């Protein structure tokens, strides 16, 4: 059986849960129209968290290498408020609060 195209992988780790709750907290504040997740282009785990929450990759930008494992490029993932309302990040954050 094939997964639905809109199905998102589960958030198994602390980073995913924290990102969901932080996204929810950000949009609970007045005047916040967009949130971003920045991670090194080589950090596939962080990219998977952003993708699972419904963030979209907006751009790659150079930042210089700070650590040997870094690529020197950041992925910038964005979530506009209108995508958040009724979206995956909100659903997952609410489920974490209840569960």
PDB file of N, CA and C in Angstrom:
ATOM      1  N   UNK A   1       0.851  -1.175   0.000  1.00  0.00           N
ATOM      2  CA  UNK A   1       0.000   0.000   0.000  1.00  0.00           C
ATOM      3  C   UNK A   1       0.895   1.236   0.000  1.00  0.00           C
ATOM      4  N   UNK A   2       0.543   2.196  -0.812  1.00  0.00           N
ATOM      5  CA  UNK A   2       1.329   3.419  -0.934  1.00  0.00           C
ATOM      6  C   UNK A   2       0.750   4.506  -0.034  1.00  0.00           C
ATOM      7  N   UNK A   3       1.639   5.308   0.560  1.00  0.00           N
ATOM      8  CA  UNK A   3       1.205   6.394   1.446  1.00  0.00           C
ATOM      9  C   UNK A   3       0.572   7.511   0.635  1.00  0.00           C
ATOM     10  N   UNK A   4      -0.354   8.192   1.262  1.00  0.00           N
ATOM     11  CA  UNK A   4      -0.961   9.371   0.641  1.00  0.00           C
ATOM     12  C   UNK A   4       0.112  10.411   0.371  1.00  0.00           C
ATOM     13  N   UNK A   5       0.034  11.158  -0.746  1.00  0.00           N
ATOM     14  CA  UNK A   5       1.046  12.185  -1.007  1.00  0.00           C
ATOM     15  C   UNK A   5       1.121  13.242   0.079  1.00  0.00           C
ATOM     16  N   UNK A   6       0.020  13.509   0.753  1.00  0.00           N
ATOM     17  CA  UNK A   6       0.015  14.537   1.793  1.00  0.00           C
ATOM     18  C   UNK A   6       0.450  13.996   3.156  1.00  0.00           C
ATOM     19  N   UNK A   7       0.610  12.674   3.266  1.00  0.00           N
ATOM     20  CA  UNK A   7       1.002  12.096   4.547  1.00  0.00           C
ATOM     21  C   UNK A   7       2.411  12.553   4.922  1.00  0.00           C
ATOM     22  N   UNK A   8       2.606  12.873   6.163  1.00  0.00           N
ATOM     23  CA  UNK A   8       3.907  13.329   6.662  1.00  0.00           C
ATOM     24  C   UNK A   8       4.501  12.242   7.532  1.00  0.00           C
ATOM     25  N   UNK A   9       5.828  12.088   7.518  1.00  0.00           N
ATOM     26  CA  UNK A   9       6.454  11.102   8.396  1.00  0.00           C
ATOM     27  C   UNK A   9       6.280  11.490   9.857  1.00  0.00           C
ATOM     28  N   UNK A  10       6.314  10.518  10.754  1.00  0.00           N
ATOM     29  CA  UNK A  10       6.133  10.836  12.169  1.00  0.00           C
ATOM     30  C   UNK A  10       7.303  11.636  12.729  1.00  0.00           C
ATOM     31  N   UNK A  11       7.010  12.442  13.723  1.00  0.00           N
ATOM     32  CA  UNK A  11       8.051  13.187  14.429  1.00  0.00           C
ATOM     33  C   UNK A  11       8.454  12.332  15.626  1.00  0.00           C
ATOM     34  N   UNK A  12       9.593  11.687  15.524  1.00  0.00           N
ATOM     35  CA  UNK A  12       9.985  10.737  16.556  1.00  0.00           C
ATOM     36  C   UNK A  12      10.870  11.349  17.629  1.00  0.00           C
ATOM     37  N   UNK A  13      11.588  12.396  17.301  1.00  0.00           N
ATOM     38  CA  UNK A  13      12.566  12.924  18.242  1.00  0.00           C
ATOM     39  C   UNK A  13      12.132  14.203  18.925  1.00  0.00           C
ATOM     40  N   UNK A  14      12.955  14.587  19.843  1.00  0.00           N
ATOM     41  CA  UNK A  14      12.725  15.810  20.607  1.00  0.00           C
ATOM     42  C   UNK A  14      12.745  17.048  19.713  1.00  0.00           C
ATOM     43  N   UNK A  15      13.638  17.080  18.721  1.00  0.00           N
ATOM     44  CA  UNK A  15      13.740  18.252  17.847  1.00  0.00           C
ATOM     45  C   UNK A  15      12.435  18.485  17.088  1.00  0.00           C
ATOM     46  N   UNK A  16      11.835  17.446  16.603  1.00  0.00           N
ATOM     47  CA  UNK A  16      10.574  17.591  15.873  1.00  0.00           C
ATOM     48  C   UNK A  16       9.448  18.074  16.756  1.00  0.00           C
ATOM     49  N   UNK A  17       9.385  17.520  17.938  1.00  0.00           N
ATOM     50  CA  UNK A  17       8.342  17.943  18.874  1.00  0.00           C
ATOM     51  C   UNK A  17       8.555  19.392  19.294  1.00  0.00           C
ATOM     52  N   UNK A  18       9.803  19.738  19.564  1.00  0.00           N
ATOM     53  CA  UNK A  18      10.112  21.122  19.958  1.00  0.00           C
ATOM     54  C   UNK A  18       9.782  22.091  18.831  1.00  0.00           C
ATOM     55  N   UNK A  19      10.132  21.741  17.604  1.00  0.00           N
ATOM     56  CA  UNK A  19       9.844  22.617  16.463  1.00  0.00           C
ATOM     57  C   UNK A  19       8.344  22.808  16.277  1.00  0.00           C
ATOM     58  N   UNK A  20       7.576  21.748  16.463  1.00  0.00           N
ATOM     59  CA  UNK A  20       6.111  21.862  16.341  1.00  0.00           C
ATOM     60  C   UNK A  20       5.554  22.793  17.408  1.00  0.00           C
ATOM     61  N   UNK A  21       6.011  22.625  18.643  1.00  0.00           N
ATOM     62  CA  UNK A  21       5.509  23.466  19.733  1.00  0.00           C
ATOM     63  C   UNK A  21       5.977  24.914  19.600  1.00  0.00           C
ATOM     64  N   UNK A  22       7.215  25.124  19.152  1.00  0.00           N
ATOM     65  CA  UNK A  22       7.710  26.491  18.952  1.00  0.00           C
ATOM     66  C   UNK A  22       6.981  27.191  17.813  1.00  0.00           C
ATOM     67  N   UNK A  23       6.675  26.456  16.762  1.00  0.00           N
ATOM     68  CA  UNK A  23       5.898  27.033  15.655  1.00  0.00           C
ATOM     69  C   UNK A  23       4.525  27.449  16.160  1.00  0.00           C
ATOM     70  N   UNK A  24       3.896  26.585  16.928  1.00  0.00           N
ATOM     71  CA  UNK A  24       2.581  26.885  17.495  1.00  0.00           C
ATOM     72  C   UNK A  24       2.652  28.112  18.407  1.00  0.00           C
ATOM     73  N   UNK A  25       3.683  28.185  19.248  1.00  0.00           N
ATOM     74  CA  UNK A  25       3.833  29.330  20.151  1.00  0.00           C
ATOM     75  C   UNK A  25       4.069  30.623  19.380  1.00  0.00           C
ATOM     76  N   UNK A  26       4.855  30.554  18.319  1.00  0.00           N
ATOM     77  CA  UNK A  26       5.122  31.760  17.517  1.00  0.00           C
ATOM     78  C   UNK A  26       3.838  32.309  16.918  1.00  0.00           C
ATOM     79  N   UNK A  27       3.011  31.426  16.360  1.00  0.00           N
ATOM     80  CA  UNK A  27       1.788  31.907  15.722  1.00  0.00           C
ATOM     81  C   UNK A  27       0.700  32.268  16.723  1.00  0.00           C
ATOM     82  N   UNK A  28       0.898  31.950  17.985  1.00  0.00           N
ATOM     83  CA  UNK A  28      -0.036  32.401  19.020  1.00  0.00           C
ATOM     84  C   UNK A  28       0.200  33.868  19.368  1.00  0.00           C
ATOM     85  N   UNK A  29       1.348  34.398  18.963  1.00  0.00           N
ATOM     86  CA  UNK A  29       1.676  35.797  19.230  1.00  0.00           C
ATOM     87  C   UNK A  29       1.078  36.703  18.155  1.00  0.00           C
ATOM     88  N   UNK A  30       0.575  37.870  18.539  1.00  0.00           N
ATOM     89  CA  UNK A  30       0.048  38.793  17.536  1.00  0.00           C
ATOM     90  C   UNK A  30       1.170  39.343  16.653  1.00  0.00           C
ATOM     91  N   UNK A  31       0.870  39.517  15.397  1.00  0.00           N
ATOM     92  CA  UNK A  31       1.812  40.146  14.477  1.00  0.00           C
ATOM     93  C   UNK A  31       2.822  39.214  13.839  1.00  0.00           C
ATOM     94  N   UNK A  32       2.824  37.939  14.195  1.00  0.00           N
ATOM     95  CA  UNK A  32       3.741  36.988  13.571  1.00  0.00           C
ATOM     96  C   UNK A  32       3.063  36.434  12.326  1.00  0.00           C
ATOM     97  N   UNK A  33       3.645  36.730  11.160  1.00  0.00           N
ATOM     98  CA  UNK A  33       3.059  36.295   9.899  1.00  0.00           C
ATOM     99  C   UNK A  33       3.831  35.166   9.235  1.00  0.00           C
ATOM    100  N   UNK A  34       5.024  34.855   9.776  1.00  0.00           N
ATOM    101  CA  UNK A  34       5.873  33.858   9.135  1.00  0.00           C
ATOM    102  C   UNK A  34       6.895  33.354  10.151  1.00  0.00           C
ATOM    103  N   UNK A  35       7.179  32.070  10.106  1.00  0.00           N
ATOM    104  CA  UNK A  35       8.267  31.503  10.907  1.00  0.00           C
ATOM    105  C   UNK A  35       9.262  30.844   9.963  1.00  0.00           C
ATOM    106  N   UNK A  36      10.487  30.693  10.445  1.00  0.00           N
ATOM    107  CA  UNK A  36      11.543  30.092   9.634  1.00  0.00           C
ATOM    108  C   UNK A  36      12.325  29.082  10.459  1.00  0.00           C
ATOM    109  N   UNK A  37      12.812  28.068   9.781  1.00  0.00           N
ATOM    110  CA  UNK A  37      13.778  27.134  10.340  1.00  0.00           C
ATOM    111  C   UNK A  37      15.024  27.243   9.471  1.00  0.00           C
ATOM    112  N   UNK A  38      16.163  27.513  10.098  1.00  0.00           N
ATOM    113  CA  UNK A  38      17.447  27.582   9.392  1.00  0.00           C
ATOM    114  C   UNK A  38      18.273  26.380   9.829  1.00  0.00           C
ATOM    115  N   UNK A  39      18.839  25.679   8.866  1.00  0.00           N
ATOM    116  CA  UNK A  39      19.740  24.567   9.200  1.00  0.00           C
ATOM    117  C   UNK A  39      20.769  24.419   8.088  1.00  0.00           C
ATOM    118  N   UNK A  40      21.895  23.829   8.431  1.00  0.00           N
ATOM    119  CA  UNK A  40      22.948  23.601   7.457  1.00  0.00           C
ATOM    120  C   UNK A  40      22.413  22.701   6.340  1.00  0.00           C
ATOM    121  N   UNK A  41      22.850  22.951   5.127  1.00  0.00           N
ATOM    122  CA  UNK A  41      22.377  22.192   3.965  1.00  0.00           C
ATOM    123  C   UNK A  41      22.704  20.707   4.070  1.00  0.00           C
ATOM    124  N   UNK A  42      23.686  20.352   4.857  1.00  0.00           N
ATOM    125  CA  UNK A  42      24.027  18.949   5.041  1.00  0.00           C
ATOM    126  C   UNK A  42      23.284  18.267   6.172  1.00  0.00           C
ATOM    127  N   UNK A  43      22.450  19.008   6.885  1.00  0.00           N
ATOM    128  CA  UNK A  43      21.742  18.465   8.042  1.00  0.00           C
ATOM    129  C   UNK A  43      20.399  17.888   7.593  1.00  0.00           C
ATOM    130  N   UNK A  44      20.432  16.660   7.127  1.00  0.00           N
ATOM    131  CA  UNK A  44      19.222  16.038   6.588  1.00  0.00           C
ATOM    132  C   UNK A  44      18.163  15.782   7.659  1.00  0.00           C
ATOM    133  N   UNK A  45      18.593  15.551   8.894  1.00  0.00           N
ATOM    134  CA  UNK A  45      17.622  15.316   9.970  1.00  0.00           C
ATOM    135  C   UNK A  45      16.799  16.576  10.242  1.00  0.00           C
ATOM    136  N   UNK A  46      17.435  17.726  10.308  1.00  0.00           N
ATOM    137  CA  UNK A  46      16.702  18.975  10.539  1.00  0.00           C
ATOM    138  C   UNK A  46      15.817  19.322   9.342  1.00  0.00           C
ATOM    139  N   UNK A  47      16.304  19.059   8.151  1.00  0.00           N
ATOM    140  CA  UNK A  47      15.485  19.288   6.957  1.00  0.00           C
ATOM    141  C   UNK A  47      14.244  18.399   6.978  1.00  0.00           C
ATOM    142  N   UNK A  48      14.394  17.167   7.450  1.00  0.00           N
ATOM    143  CA  UNK A  48      13.252  16.251   7.535  1.00  0.00           C
ATOM    144  C   UNK A  48      12.217  16.748   8.536  1.00  0.00           C
ATOM    145  N   UNK A  49      12.663  17.343   9.639  1.00  0.00           N
ATOM    146  CA  UNK A  49      11.732  17.913  10.622  1.00  0.00           C
ATOM    147  C   UNK A  49      10.942  19.044   9.985  1.00  0.00           C
ATOM    148  N   UNK A  50      11.632  19.957   9.321  1.00  0.00           N
ATOM    149  CA  UNK A  50      10.948  21.085   8.675  1.00  0.00           C
ATOM    150  C   UNK A  50       9.932  20.589   7.653  1.00  0.00           C
ATOM    151  N   UNK A  51      10.351  19.647   6.843  1.00  0.00           N
ATOM    152  CA  UNK A  51       9.473  19.087   5.802  1.00  0.00           C
ATOM    153  C   UNK A  51       8.263  18.395   6.431  1.00  0.00           C
ATOM    154  N   UNK A  52       8.482  17.628   7.495  1.00  0.00           N
ATOM    155  CA  UNK A  52       7.391  16.901   8.145  1.00  0.00           C
ATOM    156  C   UNK A  52       6.346  17.832   8.739  1.00  0.00           C
ATOM    157  N   UNK A  53       6.774  19.018   9.160  1.00  0.00           N
ATOM    158  CA  UNK A  53       5.837  19.991   9.729  1.00  0.00           C
ATOM    159  C   UNK A  53       5.119  20.806   8.657  1.00  0.00           C
ATOM    160  N   UNK A  54       5.539  20.664   7.413  1.00  0.00           N
ATOM    161  CA  UNK A  54       4.885  21.405   6.339  1.00  0.00           C
ATOM    162  C   UNK A  54       5.587  22.679   5.943  1.00  0.00           C
ATOM    163  N   UNK A  55       6.787  22.924   6.480  1.00  0.00           N
ATOM    164  CA  UNK A  55       7.576  24.066   6.027  1.00  0.00           C
ATOM    165  C   UNK A  55       8.003  23.809   4.589  1.00  0.00           C
ATOM    166  N   UNK A  56       8.212  24.877   3.832  1.00  0.00           N
ATOM    167  CA  UNK A  56       8.717  24.723   2.466  1.00  0.00           C
ATOM    168  C   UNK A  56      10.099  25.361   2.376  1.00  0.00           C
ATOM    169  N   UNK A  57      10.945  24.759   1.561  1.00  0.00           N
ATOM    170  CA  UNK A  57      12.294  25.299   1.370  1.00  0.00           C
ATOM    171  C   UNK A  57      12.195  26.575   0.557  1.00  0.00           C
ATOM    172  N   UNK A  58      12.620  27.675   1.144  1.00  0.00           N
ATOM    173  CA  UNK A  58      12.537  28.982   0.499  1.00  0.00           C
ATOM    174  C   UNK A  58      13.810  29.313  -0.268  1.00  0.00           C
ATOM    175  N   UNK A  59      14.964  29.016   0.352  1.00  0.00           N
ATOM    176  CA  UNK A  59      16.216  29.376  -0.312  1.00  0.00           C
ATOM    177  C   UNK A  59      17.401  28.711   0.374  1.00  0.00           C
ATOM    178  N   UNK A  60      18.516  28.718  -0.327  1.00  0.00           N
ATOM    179  CA  UNK A  60      19.815  28.347   0.224  1.00  0.00           C
ATOM    180  C   UNK A  60      20.623  29.623   0.307  1.00  0.00           C
ATOM    181  N   UNK A  61      21.359  29.792   1.394  1.00  0.00           N
ATOM    182  CA  UNK A  61      22.187  30.989   1.535  1.00  0.00           C
ATOM    183  C   UNK A  61      23.519  30.611   2.173  1.00  0.00           C
ATOM    184  N   UNK A  62      24.559  31.290   1.748  1.00  0.00           N
ATOM    185  CA  UNK A  62      25.888  31.052   2.301  1.00  0.00           C
ATOM    186  C   UNK A  62      25.979  31.644   3.698  1.00  0.00           C
ATOM    187  N   UNK A  63      26.653  30.931   4.599  1.00  0.00           N
ATOM    188  CA  UNK A  63      26.854  31.453   5.949  1.00  0.00           C
ATOM    189  C   UNK A  63      28.277  31.244   6.440  1.00  0.00           C
ATOM    190  N   UNK A  64      29.081  30.558   5.698  1.00  0.00           N
ATOM    191  CA  UNK A  64      30.445  30.270   6.146  1.00  0.00           C
ATOM    192  C   UNK A  64      30.449  29.068   7.064  1.00  0.00           C
ATOM    193  N   UNK A  65      31.506  28.304   7.016  1.00  0.00           N
ATOM    194  CA  UNK A  65      31.597  27.103   7.843  1.00  0.00           C
ATOM    195  C   UNK A  65      32.041  27.468   9.251  1.00  0.00           C
ATOM    196  N   UNK A  66      31.250  27.069  10.230  1.00  0.00           N
ATOM    197  CA  UNK A  66      31.607  27.279  11.622  1.00  0.00           C
ATOM    198  C   UNK A  66      32.183  26.021  12.246  1.00  0.00           C
ATOM    199  N   UNK A  67      31.709  24.870  11.796  1.00  0.00           N
ATOM    200  CA  UNK A  67      32.147  23.573  12.305  1.00  0.00           C
ATOM    201  C   UNK A  67      32.596  22.707  11.137  1.00  0.00           C
ATOM    202  N   UNK A  68      33.484  21.770  11.375  1.00  0.00           N
ATOM    203  CA  UNK A  68      33.976  20.933  10.274  1.00  0.00           C
ATOM    204  C   UNK A  68      32.880  20.184   9.508  1.00  0.00           C
ATOM    205  N   UNK A  69      31.813  19.791  10.182  1.00  0.00           N
ATOM    206  CA  UNK A  69      30.747  19.038   9.517  1.00  0.00           C
ATOM    207  C   UNK A  69      29.793  19.922   8.707  1.00  0.00           C
ATOM    208  N   UNK A  70      29.884  21.229   8.850  1.00  0.00           N
ATOM    209  CA  UNK A  70      28.985  22.136   8.132  1.00  0.00           C
ATOM    210  C   UNK A  70      29.420  22.314   6.689  1.00  0.00           C
ATOM    211  N   UNK A  71      28.427  22.598   5.842  1.00  0.00           N
ATOM    212  CA  UNK A  71      28.701  22.821   4.418  1.00  0.00           C
ATOM    213  C   UNK A  71      29.006  24.279   4.111  1.00  0.00           C
ATOM    214  N   UNK A  72      28.605  25.183   4.997  1.00  0.00           N
ATOM    215  CA  UNK A  72      28.752  26.612   4.727  1.00  0.00           C
ATOM    216  C   UNK A  72      27.544  27.207   4.027  1.00  0.00           C
ATOM    217  N   UNK A  73      26.509  26.390   3.861  1.00  0.00           N
ATOM    218  CA  UNK A  73      25.258  26.862   3.249  1.00  0.00           C
ATOM    219  C   UNK A  73      24.098  26.512   4.165  1.00  0.00           C
ATOM    220  N   UNK A  74      23.199  27.454   4.342  1.00  0.00           N
ATOM    221  CA  UNK A  74      21.984  27.238   5.125  1.00  0.00           C
ATOM    222  C   UNK A  74      20.808  26.970   4.212  1.00  0.00           C
ATOM    223  N   UNK A  75      19.948  26.061   4.640  1.00  0.00           N
ATOM    224  CA  UNK A  75      18.619  25.919   4.052  1.00  0.00           C
ATOM    225  C   UNK A  75      17.707  26.786   4.914  1.00  0.00           C
ATOM    226  N   UNK A  76      16.876  27.579   4.278  1.00  0.00           N
ATOM    227  CA  UNK A  76      15.909  28.408   5.000  1.00  0.00           C
ATOM    228  C   UNK A  76      14.519  27.893   4.638  1.00  0.00           C
ATOM    229  N   UNK A  77      13.871  27.301   5.631  1.00  0.00           N
ATOM    230  CA  UNK A  77      12.529  26.743   5.479  1.00  0.00           C
ATOM    231  C   UNK A  77      11.528  27.743   6.043  1.00  0.00           C
ATOM    232  N   UNK A  78      10.420  27.974   5.361  1.00  0.00           N
ATOM    233  CA  UNK A  78       9.446  28.976   5.805  1.00  0.00           C
ATOM    234  C   UNK A  78       8.058  28.374   5.993  1.00  0.00           C
ATOM    235  N   UNK A  79       7.328  28.996   6.918  1.00  0.00           N
ATOM    236  CA  UNK A  79       5.935  28.646   7.171  1.00  0.00           C
ATOM    237  C   UNK A  79       5.163  29.952   7.322  1.00  0.00           C
ATOM    238  N   UNK A  80       4.402  30.362   6.292  1.00  0.00           N
ATOM    239  CA  UNK A  80       3.546  31.540   6.454  1.00  0.00           C
ATOM    240  C   UNK A  80       2.329  31.187   7.315  1.00  0.00           C
ATOM    241  N   UNK A  81       1.776  32.185   7.969  1.00  0.00           N
ATOM    242  CA  UNK A  81       0.623  31.958   8.853  1.00  0.00           C
ATOM    243  C   UNK A  81      -0.513  31.244   8.127  1.00  0.00           C
ATOM    244  N   UNK A  82      -0.815  31.633   6.904  1.00  0.00           N
ATOM    245  CA  UNK A  82      -1.945  31.006   6.208  1.00  0.00           C
ATOM    246  C   UNK A  82      -1.713  29.518   5.946  1.00  0.00           C
ATOM    247  N   UNK A  83      -0.459  29.098   5.778  1.00  0.00           N
ATOM    248  CA  UNK A  83      -0.156  27.670   5.618  1.00  0.00           C
ATOM    249  C   UNK A  83      -0.240  26.954   6.967  1.00  0.00           C
ATOM    250  N   UNK A  84       0.045  27.670   8.042  1.00  0.00           N
ATOM    251  CA  UNK A  84      -0.001  27.095   9.380  1.00  0.00           C
ATOM    252  C   UNK A  84      -1.433  26.811   9.817  1.00  0.00           C
ATOM    253  N   UNK A  85      -2.318  27.748   9.559  1.00  0.00           N
ATOM    254  CA  UNK A  85      -3.714  27.599   9.982  1.00  0.00           C
ATOM    255  C   UNK A  85      -4.306  26.349   9.324  1.00  0.00           C
ATOM    256  N   UNK A  86      -4.660  25.383  10.109  1.00  0.00           N
ATOM    257  CA  UNK A  86      -5.229  24.143   9.594  1.00  0.00           C
ATOM    258  C   UNK A  86      -4.192  23.189   9.004  1.00  0.00           C
ATOM    259  N   UNK A  87      -2.912  23.514   9.171  1.00  0.00           N
ATOM    260  CA  UNK A  87      -1.862  22.701   8.570  1.00  0.00           C
ATOM    261  C   UNK A  87      -1.278  21.662   9.513  1.00  0.00           C
ATOM    262  N   UNK A  88      -0.278  20.980   9.011  1.00  0.00           N
ATOM    263  CA  UNK A  88       0.352  19.872   9.721  1.00  0.00           C
ATOM    264  C   UNK A  88       1.044  20.313  11.008  1.00  0.00           C
ATOM    265  N   UNK A  89       1.750  21.426  10.990  1.00  0.00           N
ATOM    266  CA  UNK A  89       2.453  21.882  12.190  1.00  0.00           C
ATOM    267  C   UNK A  89       1.467  22.149  13.321  1.00  0.00           C
ATOM    268  N   UNK A  90       0.375  22.781  13.006  1.00  0.00           N
ATOM    269  CA  UNK A  90      -0.620  23.081  14.039  1.00  0.00           C
ATOM    270  C   UNK A  90      -1.249  21.804  14.568  1.00  0.00           C
ATOM    271  N   UNK A  91      -1.594  20.895  13.678  1.00  0.00           N
ATOM    272  CA  UNK A  91      -2.212  19.636  14.100  1.00  0.00           C
ATOM    273  C   UNK A  91      -1.267  18.862  15.022  1.00  0.00           C
ATOM    274  N   UNK A  92       0.006  18.789  14.648  1.00  0.00           N
ATOM    275  CA  UNK A  92       0.966  18.027  15.455  1.00  0.00           C
ATOM    276  C   UNK A  92       1.235  18.701  16.804  1.00  0.00           C
ATOM    277  N   UNK A  93       1.328  20.021  16.822  1.00  0.00           N
ATOM    278  CA  UNK A  93       1.555  20.720  18.086  1.00  0.00           C
ATOM    279  C   UNK A  93       0.366  20.504  19.028  1.00  0.00           C
ATOM    280  N   UNK A  94      -0.828  20.585  18.511  1.00  0.00           N
ATOM    281  CA  UNK A  94      -2.020  20.385  19.343  1.00  0.00           C
ATOM    282  C   UNK A  94      -2.066  18.944  19.867  1.00  0.00           C
ATOM    283  N   UNK A  95      -1.699  17.990  19.048  1.00  0.00           N
ATOM    284  CA  UNK A  95      -1.679  16.591  19.487  1.00  0.00           C
ATOM    285  C   UNK A  95      -0.644  16.389  20.593  1.00  0.00           C
ATOM    286  N   UNK A  96       0.493  17.066  20.500  1.00  0.00           N
ATOM    287  CA  UNK A  96       1.525  16.944  21.532  1.00  0.00           C
ATOM    288  C   UNK A  96       1.054  17.527  22.857  1.00  0.00           C
ATOM    289  N   UNK A  97       0.291  18.585  22.790  1.00  0.00           N
ATOM    290  CA  UNK A  97      -0.217  19.200  24.034  1.00  0.00           C
ATOM    291  C   UNK A  97      -1.225  18.305  24.720  1.00  0.00           C
ATOM    292  N   UNK A  98      -2.053  17.635  23.918  1.00  0.00           N
ATOM    293  CA  UNK A  98      -3.064  16.744  24.482  1.00  0.00           C
ATOM    294  C   UNK A  98      -2.433  15.450  24.942  1.00  0.00           C
ATOM    295  N   UNK A  99      -1.528  14.906  24.108  1.00  0.00           N
ATOM    296  CA  UNK A  99      -0.945  13.589  24.392  1.00  0.00           C
ATOM    297  C   UNK A  99       0.196  13.697  25.233  1.00  0.00           C
TER     298      UNK A  99
END
